[in-house]
Amino acid sequence: MLIIKWLIMTASVMIAAYVIPGITVNSFFSALWVALFLGIVNLLLKPFLILITLPINVLTLGLFTFVINGFIIFLASLVIKGFQVSGFWVAVLFGIVLSIVNLLLNLLIGAR
């Protein structure tokens, strides 16, 4: 089941990169690494980032979470070769589109 979710996330990365100008994924293997990196960072680092930015998040009614997602995606572009993001706000938009595509693919495939 974990491998299926990883492959769904990989497909989501490739689709979202195709839709958004300014995002480049050179190969399927780069997308695999991006999906793995995002999964691990979202599991380990994102809760801490949300906790330390809680006052800003409360003031913006949760919209600052999009900025955190953009930061994580921009960080992925710095770490993973074959994945380029042209700017921070492009990374924020990529995060939004990535979430929507991932949700739709999960619903389509029926993964929980």
C-alpha atoms as a PDB file:
ATOM      1  CA  MET A   1       0.000   0.000   0.000  1.00  0.00           C
ATOM      2  CA  LEU A   2       2.852   2.379   0.787  1.00  0.00           C
ATOM      3  CA  ILE A   3       4.411   1.790  -2.631  1.00  0.00           C
ATOM      4  CA  ILE A   4       1.068   2.525  -4.312  1.00  0.00           C
ATOM      5  CA  LYS A   5       0.786   5.830  -2.438  1.00  0.00           C
ATOM      6  CA  TRP A   6       4.371   6.658  -3.412  1.00  0.00           C
ATOM      7  CA  LEU A   7       3.617   5.954  -7.079  1.00  0.00           C
ATOM      8  CA  ILE A   8       0.436   8.044  -6.904  1.00  0.00           C
ATOM      9  CA  MET A   9       2.420  10.935  -5.428  1.00  0.00           C
ATOM     10  CA  THR A  10       5.048  10.488  -8.155  1.00  0.00           C
ATOM     11  CA  ALA A  11       2.363  10.679 -10.835  1.00  0.00           C
ATOM     12  CA  SER A  12       0.945  13.754  -9.092  1.00  0.00           C
ATOM     13  CA  VAL A  13       4.355  15.431  -9.163  1.00  0.00           C
ATOM     14  CA  MET A  14       4.723  14.735 -12.880  1.00  0.00           C
ATOM     15  CA  ILE A  15       1.199  15.948 -13.727  1.00  0.00           C
ATOM     16  CA  ALA A  16       1.486  19.095 -11.611  1.00  0.00           C
ATOM     17  CA  ALA A  17       4.898  19.865 -13.124  1.00  0.00           C
ATOM     18  CA  TYR A  18       3.392  19.495 -16.589  1.00  0.00           C
ATOM     19  CA  VAL A  19       0.544  21.890 -15.742  1.00  0.00           C
ATOM     20  CA  ILE A  20       2.585  24.604 -13.991  1.00  0.00           C
ATOM     21  CA  PRO A  21       5.128  26.585 -16.000  1.00  0.00           C
ATOM     22  CA  GLY A  22       8.324  27.136 -14.061  1.00  0.00           C
ATOM     23  CA  ILE A  23       8.528  23.596 -12.675  1.00  0.00           C
ATOM     24  CA  THR A  24      10.845  21.116 -14.367  1.00  0.00           C
ATOM     25  CA  VAL A  25      11.062  17.406 -13.631  1.00  0.00           C
ATOM     26  CA  ASN A  26      13.734  15.798 -15.798  1.00  0.00           C
ATOM     27  CA  SER A  27      12.752  12.148 -15.395  1.00  0.00           C
ATOM     28  CA  PHE A  28      10.454   9.685 -13.701  1.00  0.00           C
ATOM     29  CA  PHE A  29      13.225   8.887 -11.219  1.00  0.00           C
ATOM     30  CA  SER A  30      13.526  12.556 -10.281  1.00  0.00           C
ATOM     31  CA  ALA A  31       9.784  12.574  -9.620  1.00  0.00           C
ATOM     32  CA  LEU A  32      10.186   9.431  -7.467  1.00  0.00           C
ATOM     33  CA  TRP A  33      12.832  11.197  -5.379  1.00  0.00           C
ATOM     34  CA  VAL A  34      10.689  14.343  -5.093  1.00  0.00           C
ATOM     35  CA  ALA A  35       7.709  12.288  -3.905  1.00  0.00           C
ATOM     36  CA  LEU A  36       9.874  10.462  -1.366  1.00  0.00           C
ATOM     37  CA  PHE A  37      11.489  13.686  -0.142  1.00  0.00           C
ATOM     38  CA  LEU A  38       8.133  15.454   0.210  1.00  0.00           C
ATOM     39  CA  GLY A  39       6.671  12.495   2.064  1.00  0.00           C
ATOM     40  CA  ILE A  40       9.534  12.292   4.555  1.00  0.00           C
ATOM     41  CA  VAL A  41       9.762  16.054   5.120  1.00  0.00           C
ATOM     42  CA  ASN A  42       5.977  16.356   5.512  1.00  0.00           C
ATOM     43  CA  LEU A  43       6.097  13.580   8.080  1.00  0.00           C
ATOM     44  CA  LEU A  44       9.092  14.812  10.089  1.00  0.00           C
ATOM     45  CA  LEU A  45       9.585  18.553   9.559  1.00  0.00           C
ATOM     46  CA  LYS A  46       6.185  20.006   8.658  1.00  0.00           C
ATOM     47  CA  PRO A  47       4.545  19.498  12.100  1.00  0.00           C
ATOM     48  CA  PHE A  48       7.457  21.344  13.717  1.00  0.00           C
ATOM     49  CA  LEU A  49       7.228  24.190  11.178  1.00  0.00           C
ATOM     50  CA  ILE A  50       3.488  24.514  11.739  1.00  0.00           C
ATOM     51  CA  LEU A  51       4.026  24.561  15.500  1.00  0.00           C
ATOM     52  CA  ILE A  52       6.645  27.320  15.445  1.00  0.00           C
ATOM     53  CA  THR A  53       4.583  29.400  13.008  1.00  0.00           C
ATOM     54  CA  LEU A  54       1.320  28.847  14.866  1.00  0.00           C
ATOM     55  CA  PRO A  55       0.741  32.538  15.748  1.00  0.00           C
ATOM     56  CA  ILE A  56       1.157  33.580  12.102  1.00  0.00           C
ATOM     57  CA  ASN A  57      -0.984  30.660  11.001  1.00  0.00           C
ATOM     58  CA  VAL A  58      -3.771  31.680  13.385  1.00  0.00           C
ATOM     59  CA  LEU A  59      -3.623  35.312  12.217  1.00  0.00           C
ATOM     60  CA  THR A  60      -3.838  34.270   8.568  1.00  0.00           C
ATOM     61  CA  LEU A  61      -6.561  31.687   9.284  1.00  0.00           C
ATOM     62  CA  GLY A  62      -4.324  28.844   8.140  1.00  0.00           C
ATOM     63  CA  LEU A  63      -3.223  30.400   4.851  1.00  0.00           C
ATOM     64  CA  PHE A  64       0.397  30.520   6.031  1.00  0.00           C
ATOM     65  CA  THR A  65       0.400  26.740   5.619  1.00  0.00           C
ATOM     66  CA  PHE A  66       0.604  27.348   1.865  1.00  0.00           C
ATOM     67  CA  VAL A  67       3.818  29.293   2.461  1.00  0.00           C
ATOM     68  CA  ILE A  68       5.208  26.409   4.516  1.00  0.00           C
ATOM     69  CA  ASN A  69       4.350  23.993   1.689  1.00  0.00           C
ATOM     70  CA  GLY A  70       6.054  26.307  -0.793  1.00  0.00           C
ATOM     71  CA  PHE A  71       9.149  26.408   1.407  1.00  0.00           C
ATOM     72  CA  ILE A  72       9.261  22.611   1.561  1.00  0.00           C
ATOM     73  CA  ILE A  73       8.884  22.314  -2.218  1.00  0.00           C
ATOM     74  CA  PHE A  74      11.541  24.971  -2.788  1.00  0.00           C
ATOM     75  CA  LEU A  75      13.802  23.053  -0.401  1.00  0.00           C
ATOM     76  CA  ALA A  76      13.173  19.908  -2.456  1.00  0.00           C
ATOM     77  CA  SER A  77      14.299  21.744  -5.587  1.00  0.00           C
ATOM     78  CA  LEU A  78      17.564  22.653  -3.878  1.00  0.00           C
ATOM     79  CA  VAL A  79      18.221  19.089  -2.707  1.00  0.00           C
ATOM     80  CA  ILE A  80      17.062  16.938  -5.634  1.00  0.00           C
ATOM     81  CA  LYS A  81      18.842  17.037  -8.957  1.00  0.00           C
ATOM     82  CA  GLY A  82      16.461  16.966 -11.890  1.00  0.00           C
ATOM     83  CA  PHE A  83      13.773  18.989 -10.100  1.00  0.00           C
ATOM     84  CA  GLN A  84      13.833  22.746 -10.646  1.00  0.00           C
ATOM     85  CA  VAL A  85      11.475  25.426  -9.362  1.00  0.00           C
ATOM     86  CA  SER A  86      11.800  28.892 -10.893  1.00  0.00           C
ATOM     87  CA  GLY A  87      10.625  30.818  -7.838  1.00  0.00           C
ATOM     88  CA  PHE A  88       9.075  30.672  -4.409  1.00  0.00           C
ATOM     89  CA  TRP A  89       5.532  31.611  -5.450  1.00  0.00           C
ATOM     90  CA  VAL A  90       5.706  29.058  -8.240  1.00  0.00           C
ATOM     91  CA  ALA A  91       6.516  26.518  -5.515  1.00  0.00           C
ATOM     92  CA  VAL A  92       3.454  27.651  -3.529  1.00  0.00           C
ATOM     93  CA  LEU A  93       1.239  27.265  -6.611  1.00  0.00           C
ATOM     94  CA  PHE A  94       2.835  23.878  -7.323  1.00  0.00           C
ATOM     95  CA  GLY A  95       1.981  22.773  -3.772  1.00  0.00           C
ATOM     96  CA  ILE A  96      -1.667  23.715  -4.250  1.00  0.00           C
ATOM     97  CA  VAL A  97      -1.942  21.975  -7.624  1.00  0.00           C
ATOM     98  CA  LEU A  98       0.003  18.971  -6.315  1.00  0.00           C
ATOM     99  CA  SER A  99      -2.454  18.549  -3.444  1.00  0.00           C
ATOM    100  CA  ILE A 100      -5.457  18.726  -5.760  1.00  0.00           C
ATOM    101  CA  VAL A 101      -3.988  16.281  -8.298  1.00  0.00           C
ATOM    102  CA  ASN A 102      -2.937  13.896  -5.525  1.00  0.00           C
ATOM    103  CA  LEU A 103      -6.444  13.988  -4.050  1.00  0.00           C
ATOM    104  CA  LEU A 104      -8.052  13.329  -7.440  1.00  0.00           C
ATOM    105  CA  LEU A 105      -5.699  10.446  -8.242  1.00  0.00           C
ATOM    106  CA  ASN A 106      -6.286   8.894  -4.820  1.00  0.00           C
ATOM    107  CA  LEU A 107     -10.041   9.132  -5.356  1.00  0.00           C
ATOM    108  CA  LEU A 108      -9.733   7.712  -8.865  1.00  0.00           C
ATOM    109  CA  ILE A 109      -7.578   4.772  -7.831  1.00  0.00           C
ATOM    110  CA  GLY A 110      -9.376   4.251  -4.548  1.00  0.00           C
ATOM    111  CA  ALA A 111      -6.295   4.378  -2.297  1.00  0.00           C
ATOM    112  CA  ARG A 112      -6.982   5.305   1.317  1.00  0.00           C
END
